[in-house]
């Protein structure tokens, strides 16, 4: 069972109460009220001892762990139910996402503020758990505190954005150019054909999605969609029959239609290039609704 500790804010509050009660006890003793002085001294000792005993989290009543341990905290069923991966897959994911090496001497990943001061430190496996647990559930951050280990929601948000930035900076080139999948294009086309499609040169399915956002302070008209009656941005993706996104374009201003986004992405040009790379005479394409024609 993980050892539970309090937050630093709660311990600091208990220390302030202890010092205040000790000063009050001294004043009562000097005024001759020894009984009240003894009682306040006992109260000060009580609050001081509270800082030495394990307790619950100050904000949410969630057990915090002194030492985060993937092996001790998560069972096989926890990994599959909450993160959609088997436990033995996590070391492989850690290496494939290049999270195993933070570049720091102690191996920890650190979230730093604008002045370069480290605010939070995470183990590599802890960052992977934060990422997968957040992406695999509809829960809010407060709802994930107990599962993740009891840090504050702010800490987990910072860790989540840290690992997202790392993955985007290292791997964004793998999903923004469909020509990388030229070697797999015949396999994709065969899978879709075997599933009952009449064409033998379709390699994926294209669609656009609208993601609402807060109203910008300036130039809000660029992201306002008259169709959705909301402010937001759009993304366009091509999904292969194996479920992987093989082309992603965005964010794109929400005011424009999907056809405009398709033209701006220049996907048709890259599809022609992919067909030339395959070189079997077929012209590969993706399937979508009429709005992207």
Protein backbone atom coordinates (compact mmCIF):
# COMPACT_ATOMS: atom_id res chain seq x y z
CA UNK A 1 0.00 0.00 0.00
CA UNK A 2 1.56 3.38 -0.94
CA UNK A 3 2.55 5.69 1.91
CA UNK A 4 0.22 8.67 2.17
CA UNK A 5 1.43 12.20 2.80
CA UNK A 6 -0.05 15.65 3.13
CA UNK A 7 0.46 18.56 0.80
CA UNK A 8 3.10 21.18 1.59
CA UNK A 9 0.36 23.82 2.04
CA UNK A 10 -1.32 21.81 4.81
CA UNK A 11 1.96 21.15 6.63
CA UNK A 12 2.85 24.85 6.45
CA UNK A 13 -0.53 25.75 7.93
CA UNK A 14 -0.06 23.29 10.83
CA UNK A 15 3.38 24.75 11.55
CA UNK A 16 1.94 28.28 11.63
CA UNK A 17 -0.75 27.17 14.08
CA UNK A 18 1.86 25.44 16.27
CA UNK A 19 4.04 28.56 16.46
CA UNK A 20 1.06 30.78 17.20
CA UNK A 21 -0.14 28.50 20.03
CA UNK A 22 3.37 28.32 21.51
CA UNK A 23 3.58 32.11 21.62
CA UNK A 24 0.11 32.25 23.17
CA UNK A 25 1.14 29.64 25.78
CA UNK A 26 4.18 31.73 26.71
CA UNK A 27 2.07 34.86 27.18
CA UNK A 28 -0.44 32.98 29.36
CA UNK A 29 2.35 31.58 31.52
CA UNK A 30 3.82 35.03 32.01
CA UNK A 31 0.39 36.34 33.01
CA UNK A 32 0.04 33.58 35.64
CA UNK A 33 -2.61 31.48 33.90
CA UNK A 34 -0.70 28.18 34.00
CA UNK A 35 -3.72 25.97 33.23
CA UNK A 36 -4.52 27.75 29.95
CA UNK A 37 -0.81 27.88 29.16
CA UNK A 38 -0.60 24.10 29.50
CA UNK A 39 -3.65 23.55 27.31
CA UNK A 40 -2.39 25.78 24.51
CA UNK A 41 1.02 24.09 24.67
CA UNK A 42 -0.66 20.68 24.26
CA UNK A 43 -2.63 22.00 21.30
CA UNK A 44 0.60 23.26 19.72
CA UNK A 45 2.19 19.84 20.19
CA UNK A 46 -0.87 18.21 18.64
CA UNK A 47 -0.68 20.29 15.45
CA UNK A 48 3.07 19.80 15.22
CA UNK A 49 2.65 16.03 15.48
CA UNK A 50 0.06 16.14 12.71
CA UNK A 51 2.85 17.12 10.31
CA UNK A 52 4.73 13.92 11.22
CA UNK A 53 1.89 11.47 10.58
CA UNK A 54 0.59 10.28 7.18
CA UNK A 55 -2.71 11.88 6.26
CA UNK A 56 -5.00 12.61 3.32
CA UNK A 57 -4.62 15.20 0.61
CA UNK A 58 -5.49 18.74 1.71
CA UNK A 59 -7.69 19.68 -1.26
CA UNK A 60 -9.48 16.55 -2.45
CA UNK A 61 -9.15 13.90 0.25
CA UNK A 62 -7.19 11.69 -2.17
CA UNK A 63 -4.35 9.48 -1.00
CA UNK A 64 -1.03 10.89 -2.21
CA UNK A 65 1.92 8.56 -2.73
CA UNK A 66 5.35 9.26 -1.29
CA UNK A 67 7.12 7.22 -3.98
CA UNK A 68 5.32 6.76 -7.30
CA UNK A 69 5.70 3.19 -8.55
CA UNK A 70 4.13 1.81 -11.70
CA UNK A 71 4.68 -1.80 -10.65
CA UNK A 72 3.11 -1.39 -7.21
CA UNK A 73 0.23 0.96 -8.07
CA UNK A 74 -1.25 -0.53 -11.24
CA UNK A 75 -2.46 -4.04 -11.92
CA UNK A 76 -3.01 -5.62 -15.32
CA UNK A 77 -6.74 -4.90 -15.10
CA UNK A 78 -6.08 -1.24 -14.13
CA UNK A 79 -3.87 -0.77 -17.19
CA UNK A 80 -6.41 -2.24 -19.58
CA UNK A 81 -9.53 -0.70 -18.04
CA UNK A 82 -8.20 2.83 -17.53
CA UNK A 83 -5.50 3.16 -20.21
CA UNK A 84 -6.42 0.58 -22.89
CA UNK A 85 -2.99 -1.09 -22.92
CA UNK A 86 -1.69 -4.26 -21.29
CA UNK A 87 0.89 -3.77 -18.58
CA UNK A 88 3.73 -5.41 -20.53
CA UNK A 89 3.19 -2.90 -23.37
CA UNK A 90 4.16 0.12 -21.27
CA UNK A 91 7.97 -0.30 -21.41
CA UNK A 92 7.70 -0.67 -25.19
CA UNK A 93 5.53 2.46 -25.48
CA UNK A 94 8.00 4.35 -23.30
CA UNK A 95 10.86 3.60 -25.71
CA UNK A 96 8.83 4.12 -28.88
CA UNK A 97 7.66 7.57 -27.71
CA UNK A 98 11.25 8.37 -26.62
CA UNK A 99 10.13 9.19 -23.09
CA UNK A 100 12.64 6.87 -21.45
CA UNK A 101 15.44 9.46 -21.70
CA UNK A 102 14.69 12.95 -20.36
CA UNK A 103 18.23 14.23 -20.82
CA UNK A 104 18.47 15.05 -17.09
CA UNK A 105 21.13 13.42 -14.85
CA UNK A 106 18.46 11.89 -12.60
CA UNK A 107 16.25 10.78 -15.48
CA UNK A 108 13.25 12.90 -14.43
CA UNK A 109 11.17 15.14 -16.68
CA UNK A 110 10.69 18.65 -15.31
CA UNK A 111 8.07 21.29 -16.01
CA UNK A 112 9.68 24.72 -15.87
CA UNK A 113 8.16 28.19 -15.71
CA UNK A 114 9.12 31.12 -17.91
CA UNK A 115 12.13 31.85 -15.67
CA UNK A 116 13.46 28.32 -16.11
CA UNK A 117 12.65 27.26 -12.55
CA UNK A 118 11.45 23.66 -12.20
CA UNK A 119 7.92 23.48 -10.80
CA UNK A 120 7.14 19.77 -11.13
CA UNK A 121 9.22 16.64 -11.69
CA UNK A 122 7.87 13.40 -13.19
CA UNK A 123 9.20 9.93 -13.74
CA UNK A 124 9.09 8.89 -17.44
CA UNK A 125 6.56 6.12 -16.76
CA UNK A 126 4.40 8.52 -14.72
CA UNK A 127 4.14 10.85 -17.72
CA UNK A 128 3.08 7.95 -19.93
CA UNK A 129 0.38 6.96 -17.42
CA UNK A 130 -0.88 10.56 -17.26
CA UNK A 131 -1.08 10.75 -21.05
CA UNK A 132 -2.87 7.43 -21.60
CA UNK A 133 -5.25 7.80 -18.66
CA UNK A 134 -6.35 11.25 -19.83
CA UNK A 135 -6.83 10.19 -23.45
CA UNK A 136 -8.70 6.98 -22.58
CA UNK A 137 -11.31 8.45 -20.25
CA UNK A 138 -13.99 11.12 -20.19
CA UNK A 139 -13.17 12.02 -16.57
CA UNK A 140 -12.02 15.48 -15.59
CA UNK A 141 -8.66 15.95 -13.88
CA UNK A 142 -10.17 15.91 -10.34
CA UNK A 143 -11.77 12.58 -11.22
CA UNK A 144 -8.37 11.11 -12.14
CA UNK A 145 -6.47 12.21 -9.03
CA UNK A 146 -6.91 8.98 -7.09
CA UNK A 147 -5.90 6.81 -10.03
CA UNK A 148 -2.84 8.88 -10.95
CA UNK A 149 -1.41 9.22 -7.45
CA UNK A 150 -2.91 12.24 -5.71
CA UNK A 151 -0.98 15.24 -7.01
CA UNK A 152 -2.85 18.46 -7.71
CA UNK A 153 -4.81 18.84 -10.97
CA UNK A 154 -2.43 21.66 -11.91
CA UNK A 155 0.54 19.30 -11.69
CA UNK A 156 -1.12 16.69 -13.88
CA UNK A 157 -2.17 19.27 -16.45
CA UNK A 158 1.42 20.52 -16.64
CA UNK A 159 2.70 16.95 -17.08
CA UNK A 160 0.09 16.21 -19.74
CA UNK A 161 1.02 19.29 -21.78
CA UNK A 162 4.71 18.48 -21.33
CA UNK A 163 4.36 15.02 -22.86
CA UNK A 164 2.06 16.33 -25.62
CA UNK A 165 4.66 18.93 -26.58
CA UNK A 166 7.37 16.26 -26.56
CA UNK A 167 5.39 13.90 -28.81
CA UNK A 168 4.43 16.68 -31.23
CA UNK A 169 7.97 18.00 -31.52
CA UNK A 170 9.40 14.52 -32.12
CA UNK A 171 6.74 12.88 -34.28
CA UNK A 172 4.62 15.54 -35.99
CA UNK A 173 6.27 14.69 -39.30
CA UNK A 174 4.84 11.19 -39.18
CA UNK A 175 1.20 12.28 -39.54
CA UNK A 176 1.34 15.35 -41.78
CA UNK A 177 2.56 13.68 -44.99
CA UNK A 178 0.59 10.79 -46.44
CA UNK A 179 3.38 9.90 -48.88
CA UNK A 180 5.23 8.23 -46.00
CA UNK A 181 2.67 5.43 -46.29
CA UNK A 182 3.37 4.63 -49.95
CA UNK A 183 4.69 1.17 -49.07
CA UNK A 184 1.46 0.39 -47.19
CA UNK A 185 -0.96 1.87 -49.74
CA UNK A 186 -1.56 -1.43 -51.65
CA UNK A 187 -2.25 -3.21 -48.34
CA UNK A 188 -4.74 -0.53 -47.31
CA UNK A 189 -6.48 -0.68 -50.68
CA UNK A 190 -6.71 -4.48 -50.55
CA UNK A 191 -8.18 -4.41 -47.03
CA UNK A 192 -10.90 -1.94 -48.05
CA UNK A 193 -11.60 -3.94 -51.23
CA UNK A 194 -11.90 -7.20 -49.25
CA UNK A 195 -14.35 -5.49 -46.89
CA UNK A 196 -16.76 -5.01 -49.81
CA UNK A 197 -15.81 -1.67 -51.37
CA UNK A 198 -16.30 -1.51 -55.16
CA UNK A 199 -13.01 0.34 -55.76
CA UNK A 200 -9.55 -1.22 -55.46
CA UNK A 201 -7.57 1.99 -55.01
CA UNK A 202 -9.12 3.59 -51.89
CA UNK A 203 -6.59 3.69 -49.05
CA UNK A 204 -8.44 5.64 -46.33
CA UNK A 205 -11.35 7.75 -45.23
CA UNK A 206 -11.24 11.55 -45.04
CA UNK A 207 -13.32 13.88 -42.92
CA UNK A 208 -13.12 17.21 -41.15
CA UNK A 209 -14.00 17.99 -37.55
CA UNK A 210 -14.86 21.21 -35.75
CA UNK A 211 -13.48 21.86 -32.26
CA UNK A 212 -15.09 24.68 -30.33
CA UNK A 213 -12.93 27.19 -28.48
CA UNK A 214 -13.36 30.29 -26.36
CA UNK A 215 -14.21 33.51 -28.16
CA UNK A 216 -10.93 35.30 -29.00
CA UNK A 217 -10.42 38.87 -27.81
CA UNK A 218 -9.31 39.99 -31.26
CA UNK A 219 -10.28 38.88 -34.79
CA UNK A 220 -12.99 36.57 -33.50
CA UNK A 221 -14.64 36.53 -36.93
CA UNK A 222 -11.82 34.33 -38.30
CA UNK A 223 -12.78 31.39 -36.08
CA UNK A 224 -16.56 31.87 -35.95
CA UNK A 225 -18.54 29.23 -37.82
CA UNK A 226 -21.97 30.23 -39.05
CA UNK A 227 -22.84 26.57 -39.52
CA UNK A 228 -22.00 25.51 -35.94
CA UNK A 229 -22.91 28.92 -34.43
CA UNK A 230 -19.74 28.81 -32.36
CA UNK A 231 -16.09 29.81 -32.35
CA UNK A 232 -13.61 27.07 -33.08
CA UNK A 233 -10.96 25.54 -35.30
CA UNK A 234 -11.10 22.69 -37.78
CA UNK A 235 -8.94 19.66 -38.43
CA UNK A 236 -8.85 17.35 -41.43
CA UNK A 237 -7.66 13.76 -41.17
CA UNK A 238 -7.34 10.66 -43.31
CA UNK A 239 -7.79 7.39 -41.41
CA UNK A 240 -6.43 4.11 -42.74
CA UNK A 241 -8.40 0.84 -42.44
CA UNK A 242 -6.22 -0.18 -39.50
CA UNK A 243 -7.47 2.84 -37.53
CA UNK A 244 -4.31 4.95 -37.75
CA UNK A 245 -4.38 8.60 -38.81
CA UNK A 246 -2.06 8.74 -41.82
CA UNK A 247 -2.63 12.42 -42.68
CA UNK A 248 -3.58 15.29 -40.38
CA UNK A 249 -4.03 18.94 -41.33
CA UNK A 250 -4.87 21.74 -38.95
CA UNK A 251 -5.76 23.73 -37.03
CA UNK A 252 -7.68 25.65 -39.69
CA UNK A 253 -9.93 28.71 -39.11
CA UNK A 254 -13.42 27.55 -38.22
CA UNK A 255 -15.10 30.06 -40.55
CA UNK A 256 -14.10 28.09 -43.67
CA UNK A 257 -15.86 25.07 -45.13
CA UNK A 258 -14.29 21.62 -45.36
CA UNK A 259 -13.76 22.10 -49.10
CA UNK A 260 -11.61 25.17 -48.40
CA UNK A 261 -9.62 23.20 -45.83
CA UNK A 262 -9.06 20.42 -48.37
CA UNK A 263 -7.72 22.90 -50.94
CA UNK A 264 -5.44 24.53 -48.38
CA UNK A 265 -4.05 21.18 -47.21
CA UNK A 266 -2.96 20.26 -50.78
CA UNK A 267 -3.86 16.66 -50.02
CA UNK A 268 -4.76 15.89 -53.63
CA UNK A 269 -1.24 16.83 -54.72
CA UNK A 270 0.29 14.50 -52.14
CA UNK A 271 -2.09 11.69 -53.14
CA UNK A 272 -0.87 11.97 -56.73
CA UNK A 273 2.70 11.87 -55.46
CA UNK A 274 1.88 8.77 -53.40
CA UNK A 275 0.45 7.07 -56.51
CA UNK A 276 3.67 7.79 -58.41
CA UNK A 277 5.73 6.36 -55.54
CA UNK A 278 3.73 3.12 -55.58
CA UNK A 279 4.18 2.90 -59.37
CA UNK A 280 1.65 0.17 -60.19
CA UNK A 281 -0.46 2.36 -62.47
CA UNK A 282 -3.28 2.92 -60.01
CA UNK A 283 -4.38 6.37 -58.84
CA UNK A 284 -5.03 6.07 -55.13
CA UNK A 285 -7.64 8.17 -53.38
CA UNK A 286 -9.47 8.54 -50.06
CA UNK A 287 -13.21 8.26 -49.51
CA UNK A 288 -15.22 11.11 -47.97
CA UNK A 289 -18.62 12.74 -48.01
CA UNK A 290 -19.60 15.03 -50.92
CA UNK A 291 -18.50 18.20 -49.14
CA UNK A 292 -14.82 17.36 -49.74
CA UNK A 293 -15.16 16.72 -53.47
